[in-house]
Protein backbone atom coordinates (compact mmCIF):
# COMPACT_ATOMS: atom_id res chain seq x y z
CA MET A 1 17.64 0.25 -4.45
CA LYS A 2 15.80 -0.87 -1.29
CA GLU A 3 15.26 -4.57 -0.91
CA ASP A 4 11.77 -5.94 -0.42
CA ILE A 5 10.47 -6.72 3.00
CA LYS A 6 7.95 -9.43 3.88
CA PRO A 7 4.40 -8.20 3.61
CA GLY A 8 3.00 -7.37 7.14
CA VAL A 9 -0.40 -6.44 8.40
CA LYS A 10 -0.44 -3.02 6.80
CA GLU A 11 0.50 -4.40 3.46
CA TRP A 12 -2.18 -7.11 3.58
CA LEU A 13 -4.88 -4.52 4.67
CA VAL A 14 -4.01 -2.24 1.78
CA LEU A 15 -4.08 -5.24 -0.64
CA PHE A 16 -7.56 -6.10 0.50
CA GLY A 17 -8.56 -2.49 0.21
CA LEU A 18 -7.39 -2.50 -3.34
CA MET A 19 -9.27 -5.76 -3.96
CA ILE A 20 -12.62 -3.93 -2.95
CA VAL A 21 -11.89 -0.74 -5.01
CA TRP A 22 -10.57 -2.38 -8.23
CA GLY A 23 -12.98 -5.24 -7.94
CA SER A 24 -15.67 -2.65 -8.53
CA SER A 25 -13.94 -1.07 -11.43
CA PHE A 26 -15.61 -3.32 -14.18
CA ILE A 27 -19.12 -2.37 -13.22
CA LEU A 28 -18.06 1.32 -13.25
CA ILE A 29 -16.64 0.96 -16.68
CA LYS A 30 -19.80 -0.76 -17.86
CA LYS A 31 -21.93 2.12 -16.54
CA GLY A 32 -19.65 4.65 -18.23
CA LEU A 33 -20.03 2.91 -21.59
CA ILE A 34 -23.90 3.50 -21.46
CA ALA A 35 -23.49 7.20 -22.63
CA PHE A 36 -19.93 7.30 -23.96
CA ASP A 37 -17.79 5.38 -26.28
CA ASN A 38 -14.84 3.38 -25.13
CA MET A 39 -12.32 6.15 -26.17
CA GLN A 40 -14.13 8.70 -24.19
CA VAL A 41 -14.34 6.42 -21.15
CA GLY A 42 -10.65 5.85 -21.31
CA ALA A 43 -9.84 9.50 -21.76
CA LEU A 44 -12.26 10.58 -18.97
CA ARG A 45 -10.72 8.07 -16.56
CA VAL A 46 -7.31 9.35 -17.11
CA SER A 47 -8.27 13.11 -17.35
CA ILE A 48 -10.31 12.92 -14.03
CA SER A 49 -7.34 11.20 -12.32
CA PHE A 50 -5.02 13.82 -13.62
CA ILE A 51 -7.23 16.73 -12.29
CA ALA A 52 -7.47 15.07 -8.87
CA LEU A 53 -3.75 14.56 -8.66
CA LEU A 54 -2.84 17.89 -10.17
CA PRO A 55 -2.37 19.86 -6.90
CA LEU A 56 0.15 17.21 -5.75
CA ALA A 57 1.90 17.21 -9.19
CA VAL A 58 2.35 21.01 -9.13
CA LEU A 59 4.18 20.83 -5.78
CA ARG A 60 6.48 18.12 -6.96
CA LEU A 61 7.01 19.07 -10.59
CA ARG A 62 9.35 22.06 -9.93
CA ARG A 63 11.56 19.73 -7.90
CA LEU A 64 11.83 17.01 -10.49
CA ASN A 65 15.19 16.18 -11.82
CA ILE A 66 14.77 16.71 -15.46
CA ARG A 67 17.03 13.72 -16.29
CA ASN A 68 14.40 11.38 -14.67
CA PHE A 69 11.14 12.77 -16.26
CA TRP A 70 11.07 10.01 -18.77
CA LEU A 71 10.78 7.37 -16.04
CA PHE A 72 7.50 9.00 -15.06
CA ILE A 73 6.30 9.04 -18.69
CA ILE A 74 6.98 5.29 -18.88
CA ALA A 75 5.38 4.55 -15.52
CA GLY A 76 2.32 6.59 -16.45
CA LEU A 77 1.80 5.29 -20.00
CA LEU A 78 2.19 1.65 -19.20
CA GLY A 79 0.27 1.62 -15.86
CA ASN A 80 -2.33 4.12 -16.34
CA GLY A 81 -2.62 5.55 -19.83
CA LEU A 82 -2.77 2.47 -22.11
CA PRO A 83 -4.78 0.15 -19.69
CA ALA A 84 -7.56 2.73 -19.25
CA PHE A 85 -8.23 2.65 -23.08
CA LEU A 86 -7.61 -1.01 -23.36
CA PHE A 87 -9.97 -2.13 -20.75
CA ALA A 88 -12.68 0.27 -21.96
CA LYS A 89 -12.35 -1.18 -25.45
CA ALA A 90 -12.39 -4.68 -24.22
CA GLN A 91 -15.59 -4.35 -22.36
CA THR A 92 -17.42 -3.46 -25.40
CA GLY A 93 -17.13 -7.06 -26.53
CA LEU A 94 -16.35 -9.11 -23.45
CA ASP A 95 -18.48 -10.18 -20.41
CA SER A 96 -17.22 -8.80 -17.17
CA TYR A 97 -16.31 -12.31 -15.85
CA MET A 98 -14.14 -13.13 -18.92
CA ALA A 99 -12.37 -9.71 -18.47
CA GLY A 100 -11.77 -10.63 -14.86
CA ILE A 101 -10.25 -14.09 -15.87
CA LEU A 102 -7.90 -12.45 -18.36
CA ASN A 103 -6.97 -9.70 -15.82
CA SER A 104 -5.81 -12.42 -13.45
CA LEU A 105 -2.92 -13.08 -15.85
CA THR A 106 -1.14 -10.05 -14.31
CA PRO A 107 0.70 -11.79 -11.55
CA LEU A 108 1.86 -14.44 -14.03
CA PHE A 109 3.27 -11.74 -16.40
CA THR A 110 4.70 -9.92 -13.43
CA LEU A 111 6.65 -13.02 -12.24
CA VAL A 112 7.82 -14.06 -15.80
CA LEU A 113 8.88 -10.53 -16.86
CA GLY A 114 10.49 -9.90 -13.50
CA VAL A 115 12.71 -12.87 -13.85
CA LEU A 116 13.57 -12.53 -17.61
CA PHE A 117 14.02 -8.83 -17.92
CA PHE A 118 14.38 -7.35 -14.42
CA MET A 119 16.61 -10.06 -13.01
CA ARG A 120 14.47 -11.00 -9.98
CA ARG A 121 14.94 -14.24 -8.17
CA THR A 122 11.98 -16.49 -7.37
CA ARG A 123 11.25 -19.95 -5.97
CA PHE A 124 9.29 -22.94 -7.04
CA MET A 125 6.82 -22.10 -4.35
CA ASN A 126 6.19 -18.69 -5.81
CA VAL A 127 5.72 -20.03 -9.24
CA LEU A 128 3.30 -22.73 -7.96
CA GLY A 129 1.51 -20.13 -6.00
CA VAL A 130 0.96 -17.97 -9.14
CA PHE A 131 -0.73 -20.84 -10.88
CA VAL A 132 -2.70 -21.95 -7.87
CA GLY A 133 -4.08 -18.37 -7.64
CA LEU A 134 -4.79 -18.27 -11.33
CA ILE A 135 -6.67 -21.63 -11.22
CA GLY A 136 -8.75 -20.30 -8.29
CA ALA A 137 -9.59 -17.11 -10.12
CA VAL A 138 -10.51 -18.89 -13.42
CA GLY A 139 -12.61 -21.40 -11.46
CA LEU A 140 -14.39 -18.79 -9.45
CA LEU A 141 -15.23 -16.64 -12.48
CA SER A 142 -16.06 -19.67 -14.66
CA PHE A 143 -18.71 -20.82 -12.15
CA ALA A 144 -20.03 -17.30 -11.87
CA GLY A 145 -20.33 -17.32 -15.58
CA GLU A 146 -22.18 -20.62 -15.60
CA GLY A 147 -19.13 -22.54 -16.89
CA SER A 148 -18.81 -20.72 -20.16
CA PHE A 149 -15.31 -20.14 -21.44
CA SER A 150 -16.45 -18.57 -24.82
CA VAL A 151 -14.29 -15.58 -25.38
CA ASN A 152 -14.05 -13.09 -28.35
CA PHE A 153 -10.29 -13.12 -28.93
CA GLN A 154 -10.64 -9.87 -30.88
CA TYR A 155 -11.56 -8.08 -27.62
CA ALA A 156 -9.50 -10.39 -25.22
CA VAL A 157 -6.30 -9.32 -26.75
CA PHE A 158 -6.84 -5.75 -25.34
CA VAL A 159 -7.03 -7.19 -21.73
CA ILE A 160 -4.01 -9.38 -22.39
CA PHE A 161 -2.07 -6.42 -23.59
CA ALA A 162 -3.14 -4.32 -20.59
CA THR A 163 -2.10 -7.01 -18.11
CA MET A 164 1.31 -7.00 -19.73
CA CYS A 165 1.50 -3.26 -19.39
CA TYR A 166 0.74 -3.46 -15.66
CA ALA A 167 3.42 -6.27 -15.16
CA ILE A 168 6.17 -4.17 -16.86
CA GLN A 169 5.01 -0.97 -14.92
CA MET A 170 5.22 -2.83 -11.49
CA ASN A 171 8.63 -4.31 -12.16
CA PHE A 172 9.81 -1.00 -13.59
CA ILE A 173 8.74 1.08 -10.53
CA LYS A 174 10.25 -1.52 -8.26
CA THR A 175 13.51 -1.26 -10.07
CA TYR A 176 13.85 2.38 -10.91
CA LEU A 177 11.48 4.46 -8.78
CA THR A 178 11.77 3.24 -5.15
CA ASP A 179 13.54 6.46 -4.16
CA TYR A 180 10.37 8.40 -4.84
CA ASP A 181 7.24 8.41 -2.57
CA PRO A 182 3.99 7.04 -3.91
CA MET A 183 2.27 10.48 -4.28
CA THR A 184 5.23 11.78 -6.30
CA ILE A 185 5.08 8.75 -8.65
CA ALA A 186 1.32 8.82 -9.10
CA SER A 187 0.92 12.60 -9.55
CA LEU A 188 3.93 13.04 -11.88
CA ALA A 189 2.99 9.89 -13.84
CA PHE A 190 -0.48 11.45 -14.57
CA ILE A 191 0.79 14.98 -15.39
CA PHE A 192 2.52 13.61 -18.48
CA ILE A 193 -0.44 11.54 -19.81
CA GLY A 194 -3.37 13.60 -18.36
CA ILE A 195 -2.82 16.65 -20.45
CA PRO A 196 -2.91 14.86 -23.73
CA SER A 197 -5.92 12.79 -22.61
CA LEU A 198 -7.89 15.91 -21.65
CA VAL A 199 -7.05 17.72 -24.92
CA PHE A 200 -8.10 14.59 -26.87
CA LEU A 201 -11.35 14.29 -24.92
CA LEU A 202 -12.33 17.86 -25.44
CA THR A 203 -11.28 18.50 -29.00
CA GLY A 204 -10.99 14.92 -30.55
CA THR A 205 -14.33 13.53 -29.49
CA ASP A 206 -17.97 14.48 -29.29
CA PHE A 207 -17.83 14.42 -25.42
CA LEU A 208 -19.23 17.95 -25.00
CA TYR A 209 -22.13 17.24 -27.37
CA ARG A 210 -22.98 13.94 -25.60
CA MET A 211 -23.05 15.85 -22.25
CA GLY A 212 -25.70 18.11 -23.60
CA HIS A 213 -27.78 15.82 -25.68
CA VAL A 214 -27.37 12.17 -24.61
CA SER A 215 -29.76 10.85 -21.98
CA GLY A 216 -27.96 9.47 -18.91
CA SER A 217 -24.60 11.19 -19.70
CA TRP A 218 -24.36 12.92 -16.23
CA GLU A 219 -24.93 9.57 -14.55
CA SER A 220 -22.20 7.94 -16.69
CA LEU A 221 -19.88 10.83 -15.93
CA GLY A 222 -20.50 10.20 -12.17
CA TYR A 223 -19.54 6.49 -12.40
CA VAL A 224 -16.43 7.24 -14.46
CA ALA A 225 -15.50 10.05 -11.88
CA LEU A 226 -15.70 7.58 -9.14
CA LEU A 227 -13.56 5.23 -11.15
CA GLY A 228 -11.10 8.05 -11.88
CA VAL A 229 -10.79 9.40 -8.33
CA PHE A 230 -11.03 6.30 -6.23
CA GLY A 231 -10.40 3.51 -8.53
CA THR A 232 -7.39 5.13 -10.19
CA ALA A 233 -5.93 8.22 -8.52
CA ILE A 234 -6.08 7.06 -4.97
CA ALA A 235 -5.78 3.31 -5.65
CA ILE A 236 -2.69 4.00 -7.75
CA MET A 237 -0.98 5.69 -4.75
CA ALA A 238 -1.89 2.73 -2.58
CA ASN A 239 -0.58 0.24 -5.21
CA PHE A 240 2.76 2.09 -5.50
CA TRP A 241 3.14 2.14 -1.80
CA LEU A 242 2.60 -1.62 -1.92
CA ILE A 243 5.24 -2.03 -4.58
CA LYS A 244 7.83 -0.02 -2.50
CA ARG A 245 7.03 -1.87 0.69
CA SER A 246 6.82 -5.39 -0.60
CA SER A 247 7.22 -6.53 -4.28
CA ALA A 248 5.76 -6.18 -7.67
CA LEU A 249 4.41 -9.67 -7.41
CA PHE A 250 2.63 -9.08 -4.14
CA ALA A 251 1.05 -5.85 -5.42
CA SER A 252 -0.10 -7.56 -8.70
CA SER A 253 -1.76 -10.36 -6.60
CA VAL A 254 -4.75 -8.01 -6.11
CA THR A 255 -6.10 -9.18 -9.55
CA TYR A 256 -6.65 -12.68 -8.08
CA LEU A 257 -8.73 -11.22 -5.19
CA MET A 258 -10.80 -8.87 -7.47
CA PRO A 259 -13.09 -11.73 -8.74
CA ILE A 260 -14.22 -12.12 -5.11
CA VAL A 261 -15.68 -8.59 -5.14
CA SER A 262 -17.34 -9.12 -8.45
CA ILE A 263 -19.08 -12.18 -7.06
CA VAL A 264 -20.28 -10.20 -4.07
CA TRP A 265 -21.74 -7.50 -6.34
CA GLY A 266 -23.51 -10.27 -8.19
CA VAL A 267 -25.01 -11.68 -5.09
CA ILE A 268 -26.11 -8.03 -4.04
CA ASP A 269 -27.69 -7.86 -7.51
CA GLY A 270 -29.70 -10.96 -6.81
CA GLU A 271 -27.42 -13.65 -8.29
CA PRO A 272 -27.15 -16.97 -6.39
CA PHE A 273 -24.07 -17.72 -4.23
CA LEU A 274 -22.88 -21.32 -4.69
CA ILE A 275 -21.18 -23.21 -1.90
CA SER A 276 -18.56 -24.28 -4.39
CA TYR A 277 -17.39 -20.60 -4.44
CA PHE A 278 -15.68 -21.19 -1.12
CA ILE A 279 -13.30 -23.81 -2.68
CA TRP A 280 -12.22 -21.45 -5.50
CA ILE A 281 -11.78 -18.47 -2.94
CA ALA A 282 -9.68 -20.76 -0.63
CA ALA A 283 -7.51 -21.55 -3.74
CA ILE A 284 -7.12 -17.85 -4.49
CA LEU A 285 -6.02 -17.02 -0.92
CA LEU A 286 -3.71 -19.99 -0.93
CA GLY A 287 -2.07 -18.98 -4.26
CA VAL A 288 -1.59 -15.55 -3.10
CA TYR A 289 0.16 -16.66 0.13
CA MET A 290 2.35 -19.17 -1.80
CA ALA A 291 3.26 -16.70 -4.55
CA ASN A 292 4.55 -14.09 -1.96
CA ARG A 293 6.72 -16.35 0.17
CA PRO A 294 10.08 -14.61 -0.06
CA ALA A 295 13.02 -16.14 -1.83
CA ASN A 296 15.58 -16.90 0.94
CA GLY A 297 13.78 -14.32 3.08
CA ARG A 298 13.75 -11.62 0.49
CA TYR A 299 13.03 -10.95 -3.19
CA LYS A 300 16.54 -9.91 -4.14
CA LEU A 301 17.48 -7.82 -7.07
CA LEU A 302 20.36 -9.54 -8.95
CA ARG A 303 21.61 -6.36 -10.74
CA LYS A 304 21.51 -2.74 -9.93
CA PRO A 305 19.41 -0.34 -12.11
CA THR A 306 21.41 1.24 -14.95
CA VAL A 307 19.66 4.60 -14.38
CA MET A 308 21.05 6.71 -11.55
CA LEU A 309 18.39 8.55 -9.64
CA THR A 310 18.81 11.29 -7.09
CA LYS A 311 17.06 11.33 -3.67
CA LYS A 312 15.33 14.50 -4.59
CA TYR A 313 12.13 14.58 -6.55
C-alpha cells in the first residue's frame, strides 16, 4: 500500500480537467433524457463506456489474478454502475442545480467513511475545509437557482445514495487497488458491469424501437455517447490516477468545483453572472485547499488491507 503524496501541479491540472468534463455531465444527461427514459440513459452510459474500454480490458483480463476479480466488480458497481442509473433517475425529478448541491456531499461522505471504515487519519483543518467547500458549492448553486432550496426528496435520495457509492469506491480503491494502474482498474471494472448493462439495454428495454421511431433519438444518443466516452471512460481513468497519486478526498473534491462549470454553461446560455458568484467560488477553492492539507504531511493508513494483492494484473 503506497502512502499518499501531496498534490502537485499535475494533480491539480487533472482535477480541474475533471471539473470541466464532469461539470458538463448534468446537461448531457438532460439531453439524453429527451428521447430515452432514465433506465436507458443509465444503461447507455455504462454500455458505451464498456465498449470504449473493451480493447484495454481484453489485454488485461487474461493476466488478472482470479482471486482479485471481485475487487473490480465492487469498484465498477459502486463507482460506475449504480451511480449512472441513480443520477439519470434523479434528474427526472430534480433541477440540475439541486442535483449539483447534493452531489457536493461526496467529499463529506468520503472523509467520514474513510475515517470510520477505512481507518484514515484526518485533521481539524481537513474537516473544516470540507464544510467550507460545501458551503461554497451550496451558496453558488443556490444563487444560480434564485435562492430556491425546494427539493423533491423522492428524487434527491437517488443522488445522496450515488454520492455515498462514490465515497465508498474512492476509499476502496485507495485501500485495495493501488497496485493496479488506472487503465487496468477502469477497464476491468467496466467489463464486469458493461456486459449486463448492454444485454439489459438491448433486450430489456425498447431502446431499438426508440432509435427507429422517436424523433431526436440519434441526437440524444450522441449526447450520451459523449458522456460515456469522455465523461465516464476517460474521466474515470483520470480520477483513478488522482486517487493513486494523492488521496480519495482530493479526488472527490472535484464535486465542489463542478458547479463553477455549470454556472459558466448558464452564462453561455444567456443567464446573468452575478458578482456575488466570486465570493462562493473563492469559498469553494479555499475549502478544497484546506480539505487537502495532509495530516502530518501525509494521509496515513492506520491498518493494512486485509486482502492480499499481487503486483500482476
